[in-house]
Protein backbone atom coordinates (compact mmCIF):
# COMPACT_ATOMS: atom_id res chain seq x y z
CA UNK A 1 36.52 243.76 138.06
CA UNK A 2 35.57 246.62 140.39
CA UNK A 3 34.67 243.68 143.27
CA UNK A 4 37.86 242.41 142.72
CA UNK A 5 39.83 245.81 142.73
CA UNK A 6 37.81 246.59 145.70
CA UNK A 7 37.52 243.37 148.01
CA UNK A 8 40.27 241.35 146.77
CA UNK A 9 43.16 242.99 145.10
CA UNK A 10 45.60 244.07 147.99
CA UNK A 11 44.17 241.72 150.21
CA UNK A 12 45.94 238.09 150.12
CA UNK A 13 43.74 236.38 153.77
CA UNK A 14 40.82 237.31 151.78
CA UNK A 15 41.50 235.38 148.65
CA UNK A 16 42.07 232.92 150.97
CA UNK A 17 39.73 232.99 152.74
CA UNK A 18 37.53 232.50 149.12
CA UNK A 19 39.67 229.73 147.28
CA UNK A 20 39.45 227.86 150.39
CA UNK A 21 35.22 228.12 150.71
CA UNK A 22 34.46 227.21 146.99
CA UNK A 23 36.97 224.35 147.33
CA UNK A 24 35.11 223.16 150.90
CA UNK A 25 31.50 223.58 149.03
CA UNK A 26 32.42 221.90 145.68
CA UNK A 27 34.59 219.19 148.08
CA UNK A 28 31.16 218.82 150.05
CA UNK A 29 28.17 218.68 147.73
CA UNK A 30 30.69 216.15 145.51
CA UNK A 31 31.14 213.63 148.06
CA UNK A 32 27.56 214.28 149.41
CA UNK A 33 26.11 213.55 146.43
CA UNK A 34 28.12 210.37 146.14
CA UNK A 35 26.73 209.33 149.51
CA UNK A 36 23.43 210.13 148.59
CA UNK A 37 23.47 207.63 145.73
CA UNK A 38 25.19 205.15 147.31
CA UNK A 39 22.60 205.57 150.51
CA UNK A 40 19.73 205.88 148.23
CA UNK A 41 20.43 202.49 145.86
CA UNK A 42 21.41 201.02 149.44
CA UNK A 43 17.36 201.88 150.90
CA UNK A 44 15.77 200.87 147.40
CA UNK A 45 17.25 197.82 147.46
CA UNK A 46 16.99 196.57 150.66
CA UNK A 47 12.93 197.88 149.97
CA UNK A 48 13.26 195.59 147.29
CA UNK A 49 14.62 192.99 149.01
CA UNK A 50 11.19 193.33 151.39
CA UNK A 51 8.84 193.27 149.00
CA UNK A 52 10.92 190.14 147.32
CA UNK A 53 10.78 188.00 150.46
CA UNK A 54 6.99 188.84 150.85
CA UNK A 55 6.14 187.69 147.60
CA UNK A 56 8.31 184.49 148.31
CA UNK A 57 6.78 183.72 151.36
CA UNK A 58 3.02 184.38 149.71
CA UNK A 59 3.98 182.31 147.56
CA UNK A 60 5.77 179.27 149.63
CA UNK A 61 2.34 179.47 151.40
CA UNK A 62 0.14 178.82 148.61
CA UNK A 63 2.14 176.51 147.19
CA UNK A 64 2.38 174.49 151.01
CA UNK A 65 -1.51 174.96 150.71
CA UNK A 66 -1.46 173.65 146.93
CA UNK A 67 0.41 170.32 148.17
CA UNK A 68 -1.44 170.38 151.45
CA UNK A 69 -4.38 169.65 148.97
CA UNK A 70 -2.52 166.94 146.56
CA UNK A 71 -1.09 165.07 149.09
CA UNK A 72 -5.01 164.37 150.88
CA UNK A 73 -5.81 162.57 147.94
CA UNK A 74 -2.55 160.90 147.77
CA UNK A 75 -2.89 159.50 151.19
CA UNK A 76 -6.23 158.32 150.12
CA UNK A 77 -4.72 156.63 146.81
CA UNK A 78 -2.08 154.84 148.64
CA UNK A 79 -4.19 153.75 150.96
CA UNK A 80 -5.94 150.76 149.12
CA UNK A 81 -8.70 150.27 151.36
CA UNK A 82 -9.39 153.63 151.85
CA UNK A 83 -8.98 154.41 148.04
CA UNK A 84 -11.96 151.87 147.24
CA UNK A 85 -14.23 153.36 150.06
CA UNK A 86 -14.30 156.81 148.77
CA UNK A 87 -14.78 155.27 145.63
CA UNK A 88 -18.01 153.53 147.12
CA UNK A 89 -18.49 156.90 148.53
CA UNK A 90 -19.15 159.06 146.01
CA UNK A 91 -20.41 157.07 143.55
CA UNK A 92 -23.18 155.30 146.12
CA UNK A 93 -25.50 157.24 148.00
CA UNK A 94 -24.47 158.15 152.02
CA UNK A 95 -27.17 155.38 153.31
CA UNK A 96 -25.21 152.85 151.45
CA UNK A 97 -22.12 153.48 151.65
CA UNK A 98 -23.30 153.52 155.83
CA UNK A 99 -24.68 149.88 155.32
CA UNK A 100 -22.04 148.77 153.41
CA UNK A 101 -19.04 149.69 155.75
CA UNK A 102 -21.49 147.96 159.25
CA UNK A 103 -21.81 144.60 156.67
CA UNK A 104 -18.06 144.60 156.40
CA UNK A 105 -17.77 145.31 159.97
CA UNK A 106 -15.35 148.05 159.25
CA UNK A 107 -15.25 150.28 162.55
CA UNK A 108 -11.72 151.86 161.80
CA UNK A 109 -11.29 155.47 161.21
CA UNK A 110 -8.47 155.03 159.46
CA UNK A 111 -10.36 154.08 156.21
CA UNK A 112 -13.69 155.56 157.02
CA UNK A 113 -13.94 158.20 153.94
CA UNK A 114 -16.53 160.43 156.05
CA UNK A 115 -13.57 160.46 159.74
CA UNK A 116 -10.17 161.03 157.33
CA UNK A 117 -11.89 164.03 155.32
CA UNK A 118 -13.07 165.62 158.49
CA UNK A 119 -9.83 164.86 159.89
CA UNK A 120 -8.17 167.14 157.07
CA UNK A 121 -10.96 169.82 157.72
CA UNK A 122 -10.20 169.83 161.69
CA UNK A 123 -6.02 170.13 161.23
CA UNK A 124 -5.48 172.87 159.06
CA UNK A 125 -7.62 175.96 160.57
CA UNK A 126 -6.94 178.01 157.72
CA UNK A 127 -9.60 175.75 155.69
CA UNK A 128 -12.76 177.58 155.81
CA UNK A 129 -14.40 174.70 153.79
CA UNK A 130 -13.54 171.19 152.06
CA UNK A 131 -15.63 169.64 149.77
CA UNK A 132 -16.21 166.46 148.10
CA UNK A 133 -18.22 166.05 144.64
CA UNK A 134 -19.83 163.29 143.94
CA UNK A 135 -19.88 163.05 139.79
CA UNK A 136 -22.77 160.50 139.45
CA UNK A 137 -24.58 161.40 141.83
CA UNK A 138 -24.64 165.08 141.68
CA UNK A 139 -24.12 165.82 145.28
CA UNK A 140 -21.77 168.06 146.86
CA UNK A 141 -20.65 166.33 150.91
CA UNK A 142 -19.31 169.85 152.76
CA UNK A 143 -17.15 169.84 155.57
CA UNK A 144 -17.95 173.63 157.25
CA UNK A 145 -17.52 175.12 160.59
CA UNK A 146 -17.11 171.35 161.81
CA UNK A 147 -20.24 170.25 160.51
CA UNK A 148 -21.27 168.10 157.74
CA UNK A 149 -23.83 168.58 155.73
CA UNK A 150 -25.13 166.60 152.24
CA UNK A 151 -26.41 168.83 149.30
CA UNK A 152 -28.31 167.71 146.67
CA UNK A 153 -27.07 169.63 143.09
CA UNK A 154 -29.62 168.63 139.80
CA UNK A 155 -27.68 170.16 136.34
CA UNK A 156 -31.29 170.98 136.21
CA UNK A 157 -31.63 172.90 138.92
CA UNK A 158 -28.46 173.98 139.74
CA UNK A 159 -25.12 175.29 137.99
CA UNK A 160 -22.58 173.67 140.44
CA UNK A 161 -22.37 170.58 138.22
CA UNK A 162 -21.19 172.75 135.30
CA UNK A 163 -19.09 174.70 137.71
CA UNK A 164 -17.19 171.84 139.46
CA UNK A 165 -15.99 170.73 135.72
CA UNK A 166 -15.40 174.33 134.24
CA UNK A 167 -11.21 175.71 133.66
CA UNK A 168 -8.85 173.86 134.61
CA UNK A 169 -8.59 171.10 137.47
CA UNK A 170 -5.84 171.10 140.19
CA UNK A 171 -5.04 175.23 139.88
CA UNK A 172 -5.66 177.69 142.49
CA UNK A 173 -8.38 180.29 141.86
CA UNK A 174 -11.19 182.12 143.59
CA UNK A 175 -14.41 179.98 144.87
CA UNK A 176 -17.10 179.81 142.21
CA UNK A 177 -19.96 181.71 142.92
CA UNK A 178 -22.73 179.53 142.69
CA UNK A 179 -20.52 176.63 144.95
CA UNK A 180 -20.24 179.20 147.04
CA UNK A 181 -23.87 180.35 147.76
CA UNK A 182 -24.61 176.83 148.01
CA UNK A 183 -22.89 175.78 150.47
CA UNK A 184 -23.72 179.05 152.20
CA UNK A 185 -20.45 180.26 152.67
CA UNK A 186 -20.03 184.33 153.45
CA UNK A 187 -18.59 186.62 150.77
CA UNK A 188 -15.21 186.70 152.51
CA UNK A 189 -11.48 186.52 150.87
CA UNK A 190 -10.99 182.95 150.16
CA UNK A 191 -9.30 180.74 147.60
CA UNK A 192 -9.77 177.43 146.25
CA UNK A 193 -7.61 174.36 145.41
CA UNK A 194 -9.53 171.91 143.34
CA UNK A 195 -8.59 167.80 143.03
CA UNK A 196 -10.01 165.34 140.32
CA UNK A 197 -11.24 162.78 142.03
CA UNK A 198 -10.53 159.21 140.17
CA UNK A 199 -11.86 155.36 141.09
CA UNK A 200 -7.75 154.03 141.56
CA UNK A 201 -9.20 150.59 139.56
CA UNK A 202 -10.88 151.53 135.85
CA UNK A 203 -9.45 155.42 136.30
CA UNK A 204 -12.32 156.99 135.38
CA UNK A 205 -13.38 160.22 137.28
CA UNK A 206 -15.72 160.23 140.06
CA UNK A 207 -15.75 163.26 141.11
CA UNK A 208 -13.76 166.27 142.61
CA UNK A 209 -12.38 167.30 146.01
CA UNK A 210 -12.71 171.33 146.58
CA UNK A 211 -10.72 173.25 149.44
CA UNK A 212 -11.56 176.39 150.29
CA UNK A 213 -9.10 178.98 152.39
CA UNK A 214 -8.90 181.96 154.10
CA UNK A 215 -7.20 184.43 151.93
CA UNK A 216 -6.77 186.60 155.13
CA UNK A 217 -4.75 184.25 156.53
CA UNK A 218 -1.79 184.53 154.04
CA UNK A 219 -1.13 188.18 155.88
CA UNK A 220 0.26 185.70 158.73
CA UNK A 221 3.37 184.62 156.05
CA UNK A 222 4.72 188.42 155.98
CA UNK A 223 4.37 189.54 159.94
CA UNK A 224 7.02 190.23 160.04
CA UNK A 225 6.89 192.93 156.97
CA UNK A 226 3.76 193.77 157.15
CA UNK A 227 5.41 197.69 158.46
CA UNK A 228 7.55 197.56 156.09
CA UNK A 229 5.81 196.64 152.98
CA UNK A 230 5.16 199.56 150.36
CA UNK A 231 2.80 199.42 147.39
CA UNK A 232 0.54 196.64 146.62
CA UNK A 233 1.06 192.73 146.81
CA UNK A 234 -1.68 190.80 145.23
CA UNK A 235 -2.31 186.75 144.12
CA UNK A 236 -4.07 186.63 140.83
CA UNK A 237 -5.42 183.29 139.24
CA UNK A 238 -4.69 181.91 135.91
CA UNK A 239 -7.51 183.76 134.97
CA UNK A 240 -6.60 187.58 136.11
CA UNK A 241 -8.70 186.84 139.45
CA UNK A 242 -7.53 188.75 142.50
CA UNK A 243 -6.82 186.23 145.07
CA UNK A 244 -5.17 188.00 147.46
CA UNK A 245 -4.84 191.90 147.90
CA UNK A 246 -3.23 193.68 150.88
CA UNK A 247 -4.93 196.83 149.80
CA UNK A 248 -7.70 194.59 149.91
CA UNK A 249 -9.73 196.82 146.92
CA UNK A 250 -9.60 194.25 144.38
CA UNK A 251 -10.29 191.36 146.21
CA UNK A 252 -12.72 189.18 143.97
CA UNK A 253 -11.97 190.64 141.16
CA UNK A 254 -10.27 190.56 138.03
CA UNK A 255 -6.99 192.97 138.14
CA UNK A 256 -7.80 195.86 135.46
CA UNK A 257 -3.46 195.81 134.19
CA UNK A 258 -3.72 192.02 133.53
CA UNK A 259 -2.28 192.16 130.59
CA UNK A 260 -0.03 194.89 131.05
CA UNK A 261 1.16 192.73 133.92
CA UNK A 262 1.85 189.08 131.54
CA UNK A 263 3.82 191.36 128.94
CA UNK A 264 6.92 192.35 132.19
CA UNK A 265 9.47 190.11 133.07
CA UNK A 266 10.01 188.99 136.96
CA UNK A 267 12.26 192.29 137.59
CA UNK A 268 10.99 195.17 136.15
CA UNK A 269 10.53 198.83 136.65
CA UNK A 270 7.60 200.19 134.09
CA UNK A 271 7.74 203.35 132.08
CA UNK A 272 6.34 205.35 134.68
CA UNK A 273 9.17 204.71 137.27
CA UNK A 274 6.41 201.75 138.85
CA UNK A 275 8.72 198.82 140.51
CA UNK A 276 7.45 195.38 139.54
CA UNK A 277 8.43 192.07 141.25
CA UNK A 278 6.41 188.76 140.14
CA UNK A 279 6.63 185.48 140.92
CA UNK A 280 4.83 182.68 138.82
CA UNK A 281 3.92 179.41 140.36
CA UNK A 282 3.06 177.33 137.48
CA UNK A 283 2.28 174.00 138.88
CA UNK A 284 -0.31 175.87 141.30
CA UNK A 285 -1.13 178.35 138.19
CA UNK A 286 -1.49 181.49 139.72
CA UNK A 287 1.25 184.76 139.96
CA UNK A 288 1.79 186.62 143.15
CA UNK A 289 2.28 190.40 142.04
CA UNK A 290 4.38 193.48 144.24
CA UNK A 291 3.71 196.74 142.41
CA UNK A 292 5.47 199.82 144.64
CA UNK A 293 4.99 203.20 143.22
CA UNK A 294 7.82 205.13 142.23
CA UNK A 295 6.90 208.33 145.07
CA UNK A 296 6.90 205.27 147.52
CA UNK A 297 10.00 204.11 146.17
CA UNK A 298 11.41 207.78 146.70
CA UNK A 299 10.19 207.85 149.94
CA UNK A 300 12.16 204.83 151.55
CA UNK A 301 15.31 207.14 151.05
CA UNK A 302 13.83 210.58 151.55
CA UNK A 303 14.58 210.71 154.94
CA UNK A 304 18.35 210.17 153.96
CA UNK A 305 17.99 212.93 151.66
CA UNK A 306 17.35 215.79 153.85
CA UNK A 307 19.67 214.37 156.69
CA UNK A 308 22.19 214.53 153.91
CA UNK A 309 21.22 217.62 152.43
CA UNK A 310 21.10 219.01 156.31
CA UNK A 311 24.75 217.54 157.89
CA UNK A 312 26.37 219.25 154.03
CA UNK A 313 24.46 222.56 155.06
CA UNK A 314 26.08 222.64 158.67
CA UNK A 315 29.59 221.41 157.21
CA UNK A 316 29.85 224.02 154.49
CA UNK A 317 28.93 226.67 157.06
CA UNK A 318 31.22 225.23 159.69
CA UNK A 319 34.09 224.47 157.12
CA UNK A 320 33.57 227.85 156.01
CA UNK A 321 33.29 229.67 159.27
CA UNK A 322 36.27 227.80 161.07
CA UNK A 323 38.59 228.68 158.56
CA UNK A 324 37.68 232.34 158.12
CA UNK A 325 38.40 232.90 161.89
CA UNK A 326 41.21 231.38 161.82
CA UNK A 327 42.47 232.88 158.55
CA UNK A 328 41.55 236.35 160.64
CA UNK A 329 42.96 235.66 163.56
CA UNK A 330 46.10 234.57 160.86
CA UNK A 331 45.74 238.47 159.28
CA UNK A 332 45.03 239.86 162.80
CA UNK A 333 48.34 237.87 164.35
CA UNK A 334 50.46 239.99 161.09
CA UNK A 335 48.98 243.12 161.58
CA UNK A 336 50.27 243.17 165.17
CA UNK A 337 54.12 242.32 163.91
CA UNK A 338 53.53 245.25 161.84
CA UNK A 339 52.86 247.51 164.62
CA UNK A 340 55.22 246.63 166.74
CA UNK A 341 58.02 247.44 163.30
CA UNK A 342 57.17 250.71 163.83
CA UNK A 343 57.49 251.11 167.31
CA UNK A 344 60.54 249.79 167.23
CA UNK A 345 61.68 252.09 164.27
CA UNK A 346 60.10 254.79 166.35
CA UNK A 347 63.11 254.09 169.16
CA UNK A 348 61.16 251.99 171.61
CA UNK A 349 63.09 249.50 172.57
CA UNK A 350 61.40 248.29 174.93
CA UNK A 351 58.12 247.05 173.10
CA UNK A 352 57.45 242.98 172.77
CA UNK A 353 55.09 241.32 170.56
CA UNK A 354 52.61 239.68 173.14
CA UNK A 355 52.84 235.68 171.53
CA UNK A 356 53.04 232.69 172.54
CA UNK A 357 52.35 230.08 170.12
CA UNK A 358 55.01 227.89 167.94
CA UNK A 359 53.69 228.56 164.74
CA UNK A 360 55.56 230.01 161.68
CA UNK A 361 54.05 233.95 162.80
CA UNK A 362 55.04 232.77 166.70
CA UNK A 363 58.67 232.31 165.70
CA UNK A 364 58.87 235.22 164.02
CA UNK A 365 58.01 237.19 166.70
CA UNK A 366 59.92 235.64 169.08
CA UNK A 367 62.94 235.87 166.66
CA UNK A 368 61.89 239.75 166.62
CA UNK A 369 61.62 239.57 170.45
CA UNK A 370 65.27 237.76 171.23
CA UNK A 371 66.60 240.43 169.06
CA UNK A 372 65.18 243.37 171.62
CA UNK A 373 66.15 241.62 174.60
CA UNK A 374 69.91 240.84 173.01
CA UNK A 375 69.95 244.72 171.88
CA UNK A 376 69.22 245.81 175.36
CA UNK A 377 72.04 243.82 176.75
CA UNK A 378 74.13 245.38 174.62
CA UNK A 379 73.47 248.60 175.85
CA UNK A 380 72.82 248.14 179.89
CA UNK A 381 75.00 244.91 180.28
CA UNK A 382 77.43 245.67 183.04
CA UNK A 383 74.26 247.32 185.45
CA UNK A 384 72.07 244.41 184.70
CA UNK A 385 74.78 240.89 184.93
CA UNK A 386 75.96 242.93 188.33
CA UNK A 387 72.50 242.98 190.26
CA UNK A 388 71.74 239.12 188.22
CA UNK A 389 74.81 237.90 190.07
CA UNK A 390 74.16 239.47 193.65
CA UNK A 391 70.76 238.34 193.74
CA UNK A 392 72.31 234.61 192.68
CA UNK A 393 74.87 234.77 195.16
CA UNK A 394 71.93 235.44 197.90
CA UNK A 395 69.71 232.44 196.66
CA UNK A 396 72.79 229.99 196.70
CA UNK A 397 73.62 231.00 200.12
CA UNK A 398 70.17 230.57 201.43
CA UNK A 399 69.48 227.54 200.25
CA UNK A 400 72.83 226.39 201.75
CA UNK A 401 72.12 227.63 205.03
CA UNK A 402 68.69 227.21 206.36
CA UNK A 403 68.09 223.64 206.38
CA UNK A 404 71.65 223.09 208.30
CA UNK A 405 70.40 226.19 210.56
CA UNK A 406 67.69 224.06 211.04
CA UNK A 407 68.80 220.69 212.05
CA UNK A 408 71.60 222.84 214.44
CA UNK A 409 68.52 224.63 216.12
CA UNK A 410 66.83 221.08 216.69
CA UNK A 411 70.47 219.84 217.62
CA UNK A 412 70.66 223.01 220.91
CA UNK A 413 67.25 222.35 222.05
CA UNK A 414 67.50 218.71 221.70
CA UNK A 415 70.52 218.53 224.58
CA UNK A 416 68.72 221.07 226.34
CA UNK A 417 65.64 219.36 226.94
CA UNK A 418 68.55 216.06 227.62
CA UNK A 419 70.32 218.40 230.38
CA UNK A 420 67.06 218.98 231.69
CA UNK A 421 65.78 215.61 231.89
CA UNK A 422 63.16 215.44 229.71
CA UNK A 423 64.12 212.33 228.05
CA UNK A 424 61.62 211.94 226.05
CA UNK A 425 61.29 214.98 224.49
CA UNK A 426 64.62 214.61 223.04
CA UNK A 427 64.05 211.81 221.41
CA UNK A 428 61.30 213.50 219.96
CA UNK A 429 63.49 216.21 218.76
CA UNK A 430 65.96 213.57 217.72
CA UNK A 431 63.63 211.77 215.46
CA UNK A 432 62.74 214.82 213.99
CA UNK A 433 65.65 216.40 213.48
CA UNK A 434 66.92 212.69 211.81
CA UNK A 435 63.51 212.75 209.05
CA UNK A 436 64.36 216.24 208.80
CA UNK A 437 67.96 215.48 207.67
CA UNK A 438 66.68 212.26 205.78
CA UNK A 439 64.02 214.56 203.93
CA UNK A 440 66.59 217.59 202.61
CA UNK A 441 69.66 215.50 202.36
CA UNK A 442 70.60 214.61 198.72
CA UNK A 443 71.16 211.44 197.89
CA UNK A 444 72.74 210.40 194.55
CA UNK A 445 71.15 206.85 195.60
CA UNK A 446 68.16 206.21 197.13
CA UNK A 447 67.29 203.06 199.12
CA UNK A 448 64.00 200.56 200.35
CA UNK A 449 66.38 200.93 203.93
CA UNK A 450 66.49 204.89 203.46
CA UNK A 451 62.22 204.89 203.16
CA UNK A 452 62.17 202.75 206.27
CA UNK A 453 64.04 204.50 208.61
CA UNK A 454 61.54 207.87 207.05
CA UNK A 455 58.85 205.82 208.32
CA UNK A 456 60.20 204.90 211.28
CA UNK A 457 61.65 208.32 212.02
CA UNK A 458 58.15 209.22 211.70
CA UNK A 459 56.25 206.11 213.70
CA UNK A 460 58.71 207.12 216.58
CA UNK A 461 57.49 210.28 217.22
CA UNK A 462 54.16 208.92 217.91
CA UNK A 463 55.03 206.23 219.70
CA UNK A 464 56.45 208.51 222.33
CA UNK A 465 54.12 211.34 222.06
CA UNK A 466 50.76 208.73 222.94
CA UNK A 467 53.17 205.83 224.76
CA UNK A 468 51.10 202.54 225.81
CA UNK A 469 48.39 202.90 223.08
CA UNK A 470 50.10 202.89 219.57
CA UNK A 471 52.73 200.46 218.49
CA UNK A 472 54.09 199.80 214.55
CA UNK A 473 56.29 196.70 213.09
CA UNK A 474 58.22 196.90 210.14
CA UNK A 475 58.71 193.94 208.72
CA UNK A 476 61.37 193.57 206.03
CA UNK A 477 63.98 191.01 204.55
CA UNK A 478 67.25 192.14 204.70
CA UNK A 479 68.28 191.36 201.05
CA UNK A 480 65.75 193.87 200.11
CA UNK A 481 67.11 196.39 201.93
CA UNK A 482 69.21 198.28 199.17
CA UNK A 483 66.97 197.96 196.44
CA UNK A 484 66.49 201.11 194.44
CA UNK A 485 63.26 203.26 195.66
CA UNK A 486 61.39 206.21 194.74
CA UNK A 487 61.63 208.78 198.00
CA UNK A 488 58.72 209.66 199.38
CA UNK A 489 57.02 206.51 198.83
CA UNK A 490 55.57 204.77 201.56
CA UNK A 491 55.85 208.01 204.56
CA UNK A 492 53.07 209.42 202.68
CA UNK A 493 50.69 206.27 203.56
CA UNK A 494 51.63 206.49 207.37
CA UNK A 495 51.59 210.01 207.87
CA UNK A 496 47.34 209.45 206.45
CA UNK A 497 46.85 206.76 208.96
CA UNK A 498 48.38 209.26 211.80
CA UNK A 499 46.07 212.21 210.77
CA UNK A 500 42.80 209.97 209.73
CA UNK A 501 42.72 206.41 210.68
CA UNK A 502 44.44 206.21 213.90
CA UNK A 503 41.56 205.98 217.19
CA UNK A 504 43.64 208.65 219.85
CA UNK A 505 41.00 207.53 222.57
CA UNK A 506 41.67 204.05 221.49
CA UNK A 507 44.87 201.96 223.59
CA UNK A 508 45.36 199.27 220.78
CA UNK A 509 46.30 201.39 217.81
CA UNK A 510 48.66 199.28 215.47
CA UNK A 511 50.33 199.63 212.05
CA UNK A 512 52.44 197.19 209.81
CA UNK A 513 55.12 197.68 207.35
CA UNK A 514 55.16 194.03 205.28
CA UNK A 515 57.98 194.39 202.65
CA UNK A 516 57.70 191.40 200.08
CA UNK A 517 58.93 190.15 196.73
CA UNK A 518 56.21 189.00 193.99
CA UNK A 519 58.25 187.27 191.13
CA UNK A 520 60.32 190.71 190.03
CA UNK A 521 58.34 193.21 192.08
CA UNK A 522 58.72 194.29 195.60
CA UNK A 523 55.13 195.04 197.05
CA UNK A 524 54.85 196.74 200.31
CA UNK A 525 51.42 196.16 201.81
CA UNK A 526 50.59 198.84 205.24
CA UNK A 527 48.18 197.37 207.66
CA UNK A 528 46.22 199.46 210.31
CA UNK A 529 43.87 198.36 212.89
CA UNK A 530 42.34 202.23 212.38
CA UNK A 531 38.90 204.11 211.81
CA UNK A 532 38.83 202.23 208.30
CA UNK A 533 37.64 204.99 205.42
CA UNK A 534 33.62 205.08 204.89
CA UNK A 535 32.73 203.55 201.32
CA UNK A 536 31.57 206.79 199.74
CA UNK A 537 34.86 208.15 200.31
CA UNK A 538 36.15 204.83 199.42
CA UNK A 539 35.21 205.08 196.35
CA UNK A 540 35.82 208.95 195.48
CA UNK A 541 39.44 208.00 196.72
CA UNK A 542 39.59 204.94 194.10
CA UNK A 543 37.92 207.05 191.38
CA UNK A 544 40.83 209.63 191.73
CA UNK A 545 43.35 207.24 191.67
CA UNK A 546 42.23 206.29 188.24
CA UNK A 547 42.13 209.84 186.99
CA UNK A 548 44.09 212.19 189.07
CA UNK A 549 43.72 214.88 186.49
CA UNK A 550 39.72 215.16 187.50
CA UNK A 551 40.55 215.08 191.05
CA UNK A 552 42.40 217.10 193.57
CA UNK A 553 41.71 214.55 197.10
CA UNK A 554 44.43 212.49 198.51
CA UNK A 555 47.02 214.20 197.17
CA UNK A 556 49.81 211.86 198.81
CA UNK A 557 48.04 208.71 197.35
CA UNK A 558 47.58 210.04 193.73
CA UNK A 559 51.12 211.36 194.21
CA UNK A 560 52.97 207.88 194.91
CA UNK A 561 50.09 206.01 192.71
CA UNK A 562 50.47 208.74 189.59
CA UNK A 563 53.99 208.88 190.30
CA UNK A 564 54.73 204.63 189.69
CA UNK A 565 52.49 204.65 186.98
CA UNK A 566 54.25 207.68 184.61
CA UNK A 567 57.73 206.01 185.72
CA UNK A 568 56.95 202.33 185.41
CA UNK A 569 53.63 201.45 183.66
CA UNK A 570 50.11 200.56 184.32
CA UNK A 571 50.79 197.46 186.66
CA UNK A 572 52.75 199.66 189.44
CA UNK A 573 51.18 201.37 191.74
CA UNK A 574 48.54 201.88 194.85
CA UNK A 575 45.29 199.94 195.65
CA UNK A 576 43.37 200.49 198.59
CA UNK A 577 40.83 198.52 200.80
CA UNK A 578 39.17 199.52 203.81
CA UNK A 579 36.97 197.82 206.25
CA UNK A 580 34.72 200.62 208.72
CA UNK A 581 35.26 200.52 212.01
CA UNK A 582 37.99 197.94 211.54
CA UNK A 583 40.81 199.22 209.39
CA UNK A 584 42.64 200.18 206.24
CA UNK A 585 45.14 198.02 204.03
CA UNK A 586 46.78 199.79 201.21
CA UNK A 587 49.32 198.09 199.02
CA UNK A 588 51.72 199.64 196.76
CA UNK A 589 53.35 197.91 193.92
CA UNK A 590 57.22 198.72 192.78
CA UNK A 591 59.12 197.65 190.26
CA UNK A 592 62.39 195.50 191.35
CA UNK A 593 65.05 197.61 190.05
CA UNK A 594 68.19 195.80 192.03
CA UNK A 595 71.18 197.60 193.61
CA UNK A 596 73.41 199.76 191.79
C-alpha cells in the first residue's frame, strides 16, 4: 500500500504505463510459448521425418540386395540348360564339369555356370564375395576380388559344412566367422544373403549360394541425410546381430538391447523419452532401427527456443520502452497546458501553447490559442484591422502594376530600337515582351497553341541572336491546336537544349518540335542535334524522373514529369534518350483532354 500511495495513487500516467506493461508482457509470453510449442513440434516432426526417410532408404537398399540374390537363382532356374549345368557343376568335380562341357561342344558363356556367376559378381560393385557351396563335394567355389577359387571344406577338418546349413536360409545375417576365415575375407563390415540351390529335376538340395555385401555401401543410400541424422541407426539380423551401425561401435556384435527393441512398436517413445523408429522386413528377417536420445532430439529446437526467448525479450523491452516514452510525452504535453492556463490566469494574454499535432491534446491547445486570438481581437480590433487592410491594398496594387509596368517598359525600348534602325533588337524585344505577357497573362483555358507559341517566341529570340547558326521547326496538325494542355509543359525542355545542348560553335544547330496523336493521347517529341548527354548524367536524370523525392537536379524535366504523373497517372510523363555528340530526343506523353 505504501508503494501504491507513493508512486501510483495520484499519478494517472504511471498507472497506465504499469497496466500496459503487464498486458504486453503476459501477451508476449503466451504468444511466445505457443509459437515455441508449434515450432518445436515442427522441428521434432521434421527430424523424425528425416529419420524415417533414412530408415526407409536403408531398408530399400538391403531389400534390393536381397532381391538381387533371389533373382540370381530365379534366372538360373528359368534357363533349363543353365540350371542343368549348375546342377552338374555342384554335383561333380570341377575337372569333370570342364570335360562335360567340352564333350557337348558347349562354348556359350550364357550357359556356363562359372562365367554366369562371375558376371553376377562383377556387375554389382557392392558385392564383397560370392560363394557357391557344393553339399555333395563339400567344396566352396569363391568369387573374391575378381578371382575364382575352389576351397575344400571337408567336415572332418572344417566347420564350414555345418555353418552353411546352420540357421535359416534366404535370410539377411552377418557372415559366419568360419566361412569368412576360410575364404580369407578381412574383418570389414559386411552382411550375408544365403539362398539354397536345388536340382531342378529332382528338387533335391545340392548346395548353397551365399553373397557377402559391403555394409559400408549402405551409407550411399542415406548420403542426402548424412549430416542431418541424429542418434544412431542400426540394422539387426533375425538373431539380433548388428549388420550396420552408423556409430560403428556395435558392428558384428549382438545388439545389447534386443529384448527391449522387440517389445516396442514401429514408432514409439521409451520411458526415458528417447524416440524409436523401427522397420522390420519379414522376408529378409532383418530390422532397421533408429534411436534418437531425448537430449539430441531437443537439440533440433534448442536454437528456435533461444531465438524466441531473445526476440520476446527484445519485444517486451521495446514495447515497454516505447509505450513509456509515448505516455511520458503525453504527460509532458498535458503539463505544459496546465502551465499555460496559469499564465493566462495571471494576465499574460500573449502566451501561446507551442503545439503542432492534431490529436486530442493538440486540439485542446489550438482551442486555447484560438480563444486568446479572439480575445485580443476584441481588444484592438479596429487598430489591427486598419493596418491589415492597408497592407492588403498595397500588395494587390503591386501585383497588378508590376507586370504591366515591365511589359510597357519593354514596348518603349522596342519602339526606340526600331526608330533607330535596330530592327533585329526590336524584334527580339518584341518576342521577349510577348513571351513575358504569355507567362503572366491569366487565361481560363490554356491550349496547345498557346504552349507552342510560347516555345516559338523563346526559340525566335535565339534564332535572331545566332542568325544562320540556328534553326527550328514546329510540326503540328491544326486540328490539335485547340487541345487543352498544362502550362509550361514544353518550354522548359526547349530551355534545357538552349542552355546545355546547343553547340554555340556550330553552324547547323537544329531543333524540331513534333506533335502527334497516338490513340487517345498526345505525344510531343522534341528532337535536337546538339551535344547529347553523357551516359552517367543521363542515368542520373532518369533516376531523378523515377524518384523525384530523392533528387533535386533536372528541375524543369522533373517538374513536367511529376505534374503529369500526379494529374493523370503513371502512363503519362517524360522519357529521354540521348546519344553523346549526336543529339537528344525528349518525348512527352499527354492525355488528349479535347476542346472545351
